Amino acid sequence: MSADPSIGDEPEIYNPDQMFRFGYERLYAGDHAGAAGAFRAAVTIDPANGEAWSALAETEGATDPMERGAASFQRAVRLEPGNWTWRLMLADALLHRGEIDAAHAYFHIMAIERSDSAPVRLGLARCLAALGRSEEALEEFRETVALRPDDRDAVLALAEALTASGDALAAVELLQPLARRYEDDAAVHHALGRSWLALREPVKALTALRHARDNAEGDEAAAIERLAAALEAGAGADLSAAYVRALFDRYADRFDQDLVGKLGYAAPDLLRSAVDRVLSDAEGLRILDLGCGTGLAGVAFRPLAAYLAGVDLSPRMVEKARQRTLYDDLSVGDVVEAMERTPGGWDLLVAADVLVYIGDLRLFFSAAARALPTGGCLAATVERLPVDPLSQSAAPFVLGTTRRYAHAETYVRETATAAGFTIRLMEPCTPRREKGIPVAGLLFVMERREP
């Protein structure tokens, strides 16, 4: 009987064991094609040999990483359904081949059988992420890291899932110690750079990305280079939605107690008083509460509203606001996008302590102007940037140590006027306290003038 011609100069096939040994000899010699030929000959002679099918699958996976030997692993598992290792490798092969539903079915059953298996929980998490079930995936990634906290792949996967979910703060906390342990790991430093970028920390992001670039190869090196070049060109100077969402999702449960009790938060009541002075007979308004949080501004403005809507980046904050039963509509999203969806659709826009998370206000004011009809109003607070009498060119806004922006009064006036607003009222205020010290703020009510 002749040997499989793909093998080369191997001995004649007398039995599968001989071909099995020859396959491993070829494998150890780095000859994956020869090894695959030997194992294929072994299963041809003895199709009921599960170990030979498994060895063939592993060899096929080495020569075709996308295939991962899924079909051969399936044959092995059919022969020995109880073999845990082969089932795990089959599930992993199916996942990499894109057969997500089939992979998920295997990982799900195996997770029930062995809930303490980190590789299974990691595979299940990746399946759930691929199926768009991000919250379930995130919990599985967390379970994986809890089971194996020193596993580089598990920690990296959880960190990337956290960044994708908007909790880049938690991702950075995971990745920093990992980056110290894996100093030359491009993937780890690349992930850290992306997390810092999501938090709009361009200097820290660039440091991590440059480190990753020094150790990366191929497509990853090119991707890192593009991202680093964008940062070096000055991109990424503002606070991101990811940072704000992560911050307030974490803060939602104690938000009202801390903000009102400890910080003396007064922005909603101050804005309501200002609106009453500007619009003395206002009632029956269509009001959009921008960055509504838990609904504190909704409490203040509900009496003026025929229709009250709120939008916030934080899903947990929106859920807290929904529990107040004040709003006619609540949504999770970006405030600028929310305004742009309804041109001329609002009589009053309220932004209580929201603009402190936006540096450049031009886009915000432009969207607000489009969302209001002529005569509609925007009421908002900012933190006030002190005037430096020695400065020849004062900054329009500055990011402080609390990661909140302070804006110069002249910048607010000029930017709002350029967007089409008339200033009806602008005055200093104290929207909150910080470490017991009153925060210097500025409140304003602006009217959309006729285009």
Protein backbone atom coordinates (compact mmCIF):
# COMPACT_ATOMS: atom_id res chain seq x y z
CA MET A 1 0.00 0.00 0.00
CA SER A 2 1.46 3.35 -0.98
CA ALA A 3 1.74 6.24 1.38
CA ASP A 4 -0.09 9.51 0.96
CA PRO A 5 2.01 11.35 -1.68
CA SER A 6 1.71 14.60 0.27
CA ILE A 7 3.93 13.14 2.96
CA GLY A 8 7.14 12.79 1.03
CA ASP A 9 9.72 10.09 1.74
CA GLU A 10 7.97 8.41 4.65
CA PRO A 11 7.90 4.66 5.21
CA GLU A 12 5.12 2.52 3.80
CA ILE A 13 1.89 2.60 5.81
CA TYR A 14 1.68 -0.61 7.81
CA ASN A 15 -0.55 0.66 10.64
CA PRO A 16 -1.94 3.94 12.02
CA ASP A 17 0.43 3.94 14.98
CA GLN A 18 3.41 4.08 12.66
CA MET A 19 1.90 6.98 10.74
CA PHE A 20 0.97 8.61 14.05
CA ARG A 21 4.63 8.51 15.20
CA PHE A 22 5.81 9.74 11.84
CA GLY A 23 3.32 12.61 11.98
CA TYR A 24 4.70 13.81 15.29
CA GLU A 25 8.27 13.47 14.02
CA ARG A 26 7.35 15.76 11.13
CA LEU A 27 5.51 18.12 13.46
CA TYR A 28 8.46 18.46 15.84
CA ALA A 29 10.68 19.08 12.82
CA GLY A 30 8.46 22.00 11.82
CA ASP A 31 7.11 20.24 8.75
CA HIS A 32 3.39 20.92 9.23
CA ALA A 33 2.43 19.80 5.74
CA GLY A 34 4.25 16.48 6.19
CA ALA A 35 2.68 16.02 9.62
CA ALA A 36 -0.78 16.70 8.24
CA GLY A 37 -0.21 14.15 5.49
CA ALA A 38 0.84 11.50 8.01
CA PHE A 39 -2.12 12.13 10.31
CA ARG A 40 -4.46 12.14 7.32
CA ALA A 41 -3.09 8.75 6.33
CA ALA A 42 -3.63 7.53 9.90
CA VAL A 43 -7.33 8.46 9.91
CA THR A 44 -7.74 6.97 6.44
CA ILE A 45 -6.50 3.62 7.76
CA ASP A 46 -8.39 3.91 11.06
CA PRO A 47 -11.32 6.38 10.85
CA ALA A 48 -12.36 5.48 14.42
CA ASN A 49 -9.10 6.79 15.90
CA GLY A 50 -10.16 9.96 17.73
CA GLU A 51 -6.63 10.80 18.79
CA ALA A 52 -5.49 10.77 15.17
CA TRP A 53 -8.36 13.09 14.17
CA SER A 54 -7.39 15.43 17.01
CA ALA A 55 -3.74 15.45 15.97
CA LEU A 56 -4.77 16.13 12.37
CA ALA A 57 -6.98 18.99 13.55
CA GLU A 58 -4.15 20.62 15.51
CA THR A 59 -1.82 20.32 12.53
CA GLU A 60 -4.43 21.77 10.18
CA GLY A 61 -4.89 24.65 12.60
CA ALA A 62 -1.16 25.40 12.40
CA THR A 63 -1.28 25.59 8.60
CA ASP A 64 -4.65 27.39 8.36
CA PRO A 65 -5.30 29.53 11.47
CA MET A 66 -8.75 30.60 10.26
CA GLU A 67 -9.87 27.00 9.78
CA ARG A 68 -8.33 25.76 13.07
CA GLY A 69 -9.11 22.17 12.07
CA ALA A 70 -12.77 22.47 13.01
CA ALA A 71 -13.99 19.61 10.79
CA SER A 72 -11.36 17.21 12.14
CA PHE A 73 -12.09 18.21 15.72
CA GLN A 74 -15.76 17.48 15.03
CA ARG A 75 -14.84 13.95 13.94
CA ALA A 76 -12.74 13.49 17.09
CA VAL A 77 -15.54 14.74 19.36
CA ARG A 78 -18.11 12.48 17.67
CA LEU A 79 -15.87 9.53 18.48
CA GLU A 80 -15.22 10.62 22.08
CA PRO A 81 -17.95 13.06 23.18
CA GLY A 82 -16.64 13.15 26.72
CA ASN A 83 -13.15 14.36 25.83
CA TRP A 84 -13.09 17.82 27.41
CA THR A 85 -9.94 19.03 25.67
CA TRP A 86 -11.21 18.17 22.20
CA ARG A 87 -14.58 19.81 22.86
CA LEU A 88 -12.86 22.97 24.02
CA MET A 89 -10.61 23.04 20.96
CA LEU A 90 -13.58 22.41 18.69
CA ALA A 91 -15.52 25.29 20.24
CA ASP A 92 -12.51 27.56 19.82
CA ALA A 93 -12.07 26.46 16.18
CA LEU A 94 -15.73 27.13 15.42
CA LEU A 95 -15.47 30.59 17.00
CA HIS A 96 -12.44 31.51 14.88
CA ARG A 97 -14.10 30.13 11.75
CA GLY A 98 -17.07 32.43 12.34
CA GLU A 99 -19.61 29.77 13.28
CA ILE A 100 -20.63 31.76 16.34
CA ASP A 101 -23.94 30.05 17.14
CA ALA A 102 -22.34 26.60 17.06
CA ALA A 103 -19.38 27.77 19.15
CA HIS A 104 -21.70 29.44 21.64
CA ALA A 105 -23.69 26.22 22.05
CA TYR A 106 -20.53 24.29 22.97
CA PHE A 107 -19.15 26.96 25.31
CA HIS A 108 -22.53 27.41 26.99
CA ILE A 109 -22.89 23.71 27.80
CA MET A 110 -19.29 23.45 28.95
CA ALA A 111 -19.70 26.49 31.21
CA ILE A 112 -22.63 24.73 32.90
CA GLU A 113 -20.50 21.62 33.34
CA ARG A 114 -17.42 23.45 34.63
CA SER A 115 -18.21 26.98 35.72
CA ASP A 116 -14.68 27.34 37.11
CA SER A 117 -12.98 26.87 33.71
CA ALA A 118 -11.42 30.18 32.68
CA PRO A 119 -10.82 29.15 29.02
CA VAL A 120 -14.47 28.17 28.68
CA ARG A 121 -15.75 31.40 30.25
CA LEU A 122 -13.41 33.39 28.00
CA GLY A 123 -14.68 31.58 24.90
CA LEU A 124 -18.27 32.09 25.99
CA ALA A 125 -17.60 35.80 26.53
CA ARG A 126 -16.15 36.15 23.03
CA CYS A 127 -19.16 34.40 21.52
CA LEU A 128 -21.58 36.66 23.38
CA ALA A 129 -19.63 39.72 22.23
CA ALA A 130 -19.76 38.49 18.62
CA LEU A 131 -23.52 37.95 18.96
CA GLY A 132 -23.97 41.55 20.13
CA ARG A 133 -24.89 40.57 23.69
CA SER A 134 -22.38 43.01 25.14
CA GLU A 135 -23.63 43.20 28.73
CA GLU A 136 -23.65 39.41 29.10
CA ALA A 137 -20.23 39.25 27.44
CA LEU A 138 -18.83 41.80 29.86
CA GLU A 139 -19.99 39.75 32.84
CA GLU A 140 -18.36 36.64 31.39
CA PHE A 141 -15.11 38.53 30.79
CA ARG A 142 -15.22 39.62 34.44
CA GLU A 143 -15.79 36.02 35.58
CA THR A 144 -12.83 34.89 33.49
CA VAL A 145 -10.49 37.40 35.11
CA ALA A 146 -11.83 36.56 38.56
CA LEU A 147 -10.96 32.91 37.89
CA ARG A 148 -7.54 33.68 36.42
CA PRO A 149 -6.44 37.22 37.35
CA ASP A 150 -2.91 36.76 35.98
CA ASP A 151 -4.03 35.54 32.57
CA ARG A 152 -2.79 38.09 30.04
CA ASP A 153 -5.36 37.18 27.37
CA ALA A 154 -8.28 37.27 29.83
CA VAL A 155 -7.28 40.64 31.31
CA LEU A 156 -6.68 42.12 27.86
CA ALA A 157 -10.05 40.87 26.62
CA LEU A 158 -11.86 42.33 29.63
CA ALA A 159 -10.08 45.66 29.28
CA GLU A 160 -10.99 45.95 25.62
CA ALA A 161 -14.60 45.03 26.38
CA LEU A 162 -14.72 47.68 29.11
CA THR A 163 -13.39 50.33 26.75
CA ALA A 164 -15.93 49.32 24.11
CA SER A 165 -18.73 49.51 26.69
CA GLY A 166 -17.74 53.02 27.72
CA ASP A 167 -15.92 52.19 30.97
CA ALA A 168 -12.42 53.11 29.83
CA LEU A 169 -11.53 54.18 33.37
CA ALA A 170 -11.83 50.59 34.57
CA ALA A 171 -9.94 49.38 31.48
CA VAL A 172 -6.97 51.62 32.28
CA GLU A 173 -6.94 50.34 35.86
CA LEU A 174 -6.63 46.79 34.51
CA LEU A 175 -4.15 47.53 31.76
CA GLN A 176 -1.58 49.61 33.65
CA PRO A 177 -0.29 46.74 35.83
CA LEU A 178 -0.49 44.41 32.81
CA ALA A 179 1.64 46.85 30.80
CA ARG A 180 4.26 46.86 33.55
CA ARG A 181 4.43 43.04 33.44
CA TYR A 182 4.49 42.84 29.64
CA GLU A 183 6.78 45.73 28.72
CA ASP A 184 7.39 44.49 25.17
CA ASP A 185 3.83 43.38 24.40
CA ALA A 186 2.53 45.58 21.58
CA ALA A 187 -1.08 44.42 21.97
CA VAL A 188 -1.21 45.34 25.65
CA HIS A 189 0.28 48.80 25.14
CA HIS A 190 -1.91 49.35 22.07
CA ALA A 191 -5.00 48.58 24.16
CA LEU A 192 -3.78 50.89 26.92
CA GLY A 193 -3.27 53.66 24.37
CA ARG A 194 -6.80 53.22 23.01
CA SER A 195 -8.23 53.33 26.53
CA TRP A 196 -6.36 56.54 27.34
CA LEU A 197 -7.59 57.93 24.05
CA ALA A 198 -11.18 57.06 24.99
CA LEU A 199 -10.63 59.11 28.14
CA ARG A 200 -9.21 61.96 26.04
CA GLU A 201 -5.79 61.78 27.66
CA PRO A 202 -3.80 62.35 24.46
CA VAL A 203 -0.38 62.63 26.13
CA LYS A 204 -0.77 59.35 28.01
CA ALA A 205 -2.33 57.70 24.96
CA LEU A 206 0.58 58.77 22.78
CA THR A 207 3.15 57.46 25.29
CA ALA A 208 1.49 54.03 25.29
CA LEU A 209 1.08 53.96 21.52
CA ARG A 210 4.69 54.89 20.87
CA HIS A 211 5.76 52.06 23.17
CA ALA A 212 3.45 49.69 21.32
CA ARG A 213 4.74 50.91 17.95
CA ASP A 214 8.31 50.04 18.92
CA ASN A 215 7.29 46.40 19.47
CA ALA A 216 4.60 45.86 16.83
CA GLU A 217 4.82 44.24 13.43
CA GLY A 218 2.76 44.04 10.26
CA ASP A 219 -0.82 45.29 10.21
CA GLU A 220 -0.84 46.09 13.92
CA ALA A 221 2.21 48.33 13.53
CA ALA A 222 0.47 50.18 10.68
CA ALA A 223 -2.70 50.68 12.75
CA ILE A 224 -0.71 51.99 15.71
CA GLU A 225 1.25 54.32 13.44
CA ARG A 226 -1.96 55.84 12.04
CA LEU A 227 -3.39 56.40 15.52
CA ALA A 228 -0.16 57.86 16.89
CA ALA A 229 0.16 60.16 13.88
CA ALA A 230 -3.35 61.50 14.46
CA LEU A 231 -2.52 62.28 18.08
CA GLU A 232 0.78 63.88 17.15
CA ALA A 233 -1.21 66.10 14.79
CA GLY A 234 -3.31 67.32 17.71
CA ALA A 235 -6.40 65.09 17.68
CA GLY A 236 -8.11 64.00 20.86
CA ALA A 237 -8.09 67.17 22.96
CA ASP A 238 -11.61 66.95 24.38
CA LEU A 239 -13.28 64.77 27.00
CA SER A 240 -14.88 61.74 25.38
CA ALA A 241 -18.31 60.25 25.66
CA ALA A 242 -16.64 57.08 26.99
CA TYR A 243 -15.12 58.93 29.94
CA VAL A 244 -18.31 60.76 30.86
CA ARG A 245 -20.45 57.63 30.50
CA ALA A 246 -18.07 55.56 32.65
CA LEU A 247 -17.83 58.25 35.29
CA PHE A 248 -21.57 58.68 35.75
CA ASP A 249 -22.53 55.03 35.40
CA ARG A 250 -20.27 54.39 38.40
CA TYR A 251 -21.70 57.38 40.24
CA ALA A 252 -25.41 56.82 39.54
CA ASP A 253 -26.43 55.10 42.79
CA ARG A 254 -25.07 57.82 45.07
CA PHE A 255 -25.34 60.75 42.66
CA ASP A 256 -28.22 62.64 44.28
CA GLN A 257 -26.97 62.14 47.82
CA ASP A 258 -23.41 63.25 47.04
CA LEU A 259 -24.24 66.02 44.61
CA VAL A 260 -26.96 67.72 46.61
CA GLY A 261 -25.85 66.78 50.11
CA LYS A 262 -22.06 66.91 50.01
CA LEU A 263 -21.46 69.24 47.06
CA GLY A 264 -24.36 71.64 47.51
CA TYR A 265 -25.40 71.23 43.89
CA ALA A 266 -27.67 74.13 42.97
CA ALA A 267 -27.42 74.46 39.17
CA PRO A 268 -31.00 73.30 38.35
CA ASP A 269 -32.62 75.70 40.84
CA LEU A 270 -30.37 78.57 39.74
CA LEU A 271 -31.31 77.97 36.10
CA ARG A 272 -35.01 77.75 36.89
CA SER A 273 -34.80 81.08 38.70
CA ALA A 274 -32.95 82.64 35.74
CA VAL A 275 -35.50 81.32 33.24
CA ASP A 276 -38.34 82.70 35.37
CA ARG A 277 -36.73 86.13 35.22
CA VAL A 278 -36.25 86.03 31.44
CA LEU A 279 -39.51 84.25 30.55
CA SER A 280 -41.82 85.49 33.30
CA ASP A 281 -45.04 84.00 31.88
CA ALA A 282 -43.58 80.79 30.46
CA GLU A 283 -45.72 77.65 30.53
CA GLY A 284 -46.56 74.74 28.28
CA LEU A 285 -43.02 74.56 26.88
CA ARG A 286 -41.35 71.76 25.00
CA ILE A 287 -38.22 71.28 27.10
CA LEU A 288 -35.16 69.10 26.45
CA ASP A 289 -33.00 68.40 29.50
CA LEU A 290 -29.49 67.90 28.13
CA GLY A 291 -27.33 65.64 30.28
CA CYS A 292 -30.35 64.97 32.48
CA GLY A 293 -28.54 62.68 34.91
CA THR A 294 -30.92 61.38 37.56
CA GLY A 295 -33.49 64.06 36.75
CA LEU A 296 -32.69 66.86 39.21
CA ALA A 297 -33.25 69.50 36.53
CA GLY A 298 -36.45 67.71 35.56
CA VAL A 299 -37.79 68.35 39.06
CA ALA A 300 -37.09 72.07 38.66
CA PHE A 301 -38.49 72.46 35.12
CA ARG A 302 -41.42 70.03 35.00
CA PRO A 303 -43.92 72.76 36.07
CA LEU A 304 -43.03 74.77 32.94
CA ALA A 305 -43.30 71.85 30.55
CA ALA A 306 -46.09 70.55 28.37
CA TYR A 307 -43.54 68.00 27.15
CA LEU A 308 -40.30 67.20 28.99
CA ALA A 309 -37.60 65.00 27.46
CA GLY A 310 -34.18 64.08 28.80
CA VAL A 311 -30.99 62.64 27.30
CA ASP A 312 -27.83 61.44 29.00
CA LEU A 313 -24.80 59.37 28.05
CA SER A 314 -25.10 57.16 31.13
CA PRO A 315 -27.67 54.34 30.93
CA ARG A 316 -27.72 54.01 34.70
CA MET A 317 -28.37 57.72 35.16
CA VAL A 318 -31.25 57.56 32.69
CA GLU A 319 -32.72 54.63 34.58
CA LYS A 320 -32.60 56.68 37.80
CA ALA A 321 -34.31 59.57 36.02
CA ARG A 322 -37.01 57.23 34.70
CA GLN A 323 -37.84 56.21 38.27
CA ARG A 324 -38.91 59.80 39.00
CA THR A 325 -41.75 59.49 36.42
CA LEU A 326 -41.24 63.15 35.47
CA TYR A 327 -40.22 62.84 31.83
CA ASP A 328 -42.36 62.20 28.78
CA ASP A 329 -39.34 60.73 27.01
CA LEU A 330 -35.85 59.63 28.09
CA SER A 331 -33.00 58.39 25.92
CA VAL A 332 -29.38 57.37 26.22
CA GLY A 333 -27.08 59.28 23.90
CA ASP A 334 -25.00 62.30 23.05
CA VAL A 335 -26.53 65.73 23.70
CA VAL A 336 -25.43 67.22 20.37
CA GLU A 337 -26.87 64.29 18.43
CA ALA A 338 -30.12 64.58 20.41
CA MET A 339 -30.48 68.24 19.47
CA GLU A 340 -29.69 67.59 15.82
CA ARG A 341 -32.50 65.02 15.57
CA THR A 342 -35.20 67.65 16.12
CA PRO A 343 -34.50 70.90 14.23
CA GLY A 344 -36.62 73.70 15.70
CA GLY A 345 -38.39 71.20 17.93
CA TRP A 346 -37.79 72.69 21.39
CA ASP A 347 -38.82 75.89 23.16
CA LEU A 348 -36.22 75.54 25.91
CA LEU A 349 -32.94 73.64 26.18
CA VAL A 350 -31.52 73.13 29.68
CA ALA A 351 -27.88 72.15 30.30
CA ALA A 352 -27.23 72.11 34.04
CA ASP A 353 -23.57 71.41 34.82
CA VAL A 354 -23.12 69.65 31.46
CA LEU A 355 -20.82 71.94 29.50
CA VAL A 356 -18.04 71.31 32.03
CA TYR A 357 -17.44 68.08 30.07
CA ILE A 358 -17.15 69.86 26.71
CA GLY A 359 -14.17 72.08 25.95
CA ASP A 360 -14.87 73.59 22.55
CA LEU A 361 -18.50 74.82 22.67
CA ARG A 362 -18.88 75.73 19.01
CA LEU A 363 -20.49 72.47 17.95
CA PHE A 364 -22.79 72.50 20.98
CA PHE A 365 -24.02 76.06 20.38
CA SER A 366 -24.52 75.43 16.66
CA ALA A 367 -26.63 72.34 17.37
CA ALA A 368 -28.60 74.20 20.03
CA ALA A 369 -29.36 77.03 17.61
CA ARG A 370 -30.70 74.55 15.04
CA ALA A 371 -32.81 72.78 17.68
CA LEU A 372 -34.61 76.02 18.66
CA PRO A 373 -37.02 78.17 16.70
CA THR A 374 -36.61 81.93 16.67
CA GLY A 375 -37.28 83.09 20.23
CA GLY A 376 -36.44 79.68 21.77
CA CYS A 377 -33.99 79.71 24.67
CA LEU A 378 -30.95 77.86 25.97
CA ALA A 379 -30.30 77.95 29.73
CA ALA A 380 -26.97 76.54 30.95
CA THR A 381 -24.16 76.76 33.46
CA VAL A 382 -20.41 76.53 33.02
CA GLU A 383 -17.48 76.79 35.38
CA ARG A 384 -15.94 80.22 35.00
CA LEU A 385 -12.31 80.58 33.99
CA PRO A 386 -10.70 83.38 36.01
CA VAL A 387 -9.34 86.32 34.07
CA ASP A 388 -5.55 86.57 34.29
CA PRO A 389 -4.66 90.28 34.13
CA LEU A 390 -1.07 89.45 33.15
CA SER A 391 -2.01 87.21 30.24
CA GLN A 392 -1.81 88.68 26.76
CA SER A 393 -3.91 85.93 25.20
CA ALA A 394 -6.28 84.27 27.67
CA ALA A 395 -7.25 80.65 26.95
CA PRO A 396 -10.90 80.18 25.92
CA PHE A 397 -11.21 77.07 28.13
CA VAL A 398 -9.00 74.97 30.38
CA LEU A 399 -9.25 71.38 31.60
CA GLY A 400 -8.75 71.40 35.36
CA THR A 401 -7.38 68.78 37.74
CA THR A 402 -10.94 67.63 38.42
CA ARG A 403 -11.25 66.79 34.69
CA ARG A 404 -13.91 69.45 34.26
CA TYR A 405 -13.56 72.35 31.84
CA ALA A 406 -13.71 75.98 32.88
CA HIS A 407 -14.68 78.52 30.21
CA ALA A 408 -13.84 82.19 29.82
CA GLU A 409 -16.88 84.46 29.84
CA THR A 410 -15.74 86.27 26.69
CA TYR A 411 -15.39 82.93 24.89
CA VAL A 412 -18.92 81.87 25.86
CA ARG A 413 -20.37 85.20 24.71
CA GLU A 414 -18.51 85.28 21.40
CA THR A 415 -19.16 81.64 20.53
CA ALA A 416 -22.86 81.83 21.37
CA THR A 417 -23.30 85.07 19.43
CA ALA A 418 -21.56 83.60 16.40
CA ALA A 419 -23.95 80.61 16.53
CA GLY A 420 -27.02 82.89 16.36
CA PHE A 421 -27.90 83.64 20.01
CA THR A 422 -28.68 86.84 21.83
CA ILE A 423 -27.58 86.91 25.48
CA ARG A 424 -30.63 87.62 27.62
CA LEU A 425 -28.96 87.02 30.98
CA MET A 426 -25.44 86.10 32.05
CA GLU A 427 -24.17 86.29 35.62
CA PRO A 428 -21.76 84.63 38.06
CA CYS A 429 -23.09 81.76 40.15
CA THR A 430 -21.99 78.96 42.47
CA PRO A 431 -23.33 75.75 40.92
CA ARG A 432 -21.61 73.46 43.46
CA ARG A 433 -18.83 73.12 46.02
CA GLU A 434 -15.54 71.31 45.59
CA LYS A 435 -13.82 70.16 48.81
CA GLY A 436 -15.95 72.64 50.70
CA ILE A 437 -14.94 75.57 48.47
CA PRO A 438 -17.56 77.29 46.25
CA VAL A 439 -16.96 76.67 42.55
CA ALA A 440 -16.87 79.81 40.43
CA GLY A 441 -19.56 79.41 37.81
CA LEU A 442 -21.43 81.31 35.17
CA LEU A 443 -25.09 80.88 34.27
CA PHE A 444 -26.75 82.23 31.18
CA VAL A 445 -30.03 82.30 29.29
CA MET A 446 -29.71 82.88 25.55
CA GLU A 447 -32.42 83.46 22.96
CA ARG A 448 -32.28 82.18 19.40
CA ARG A 449 -32.41 85.28 17.25
CA GLU A 450 -33.95 85.37 13.82
CA PRO A 451 -31.60 83.86 11.24
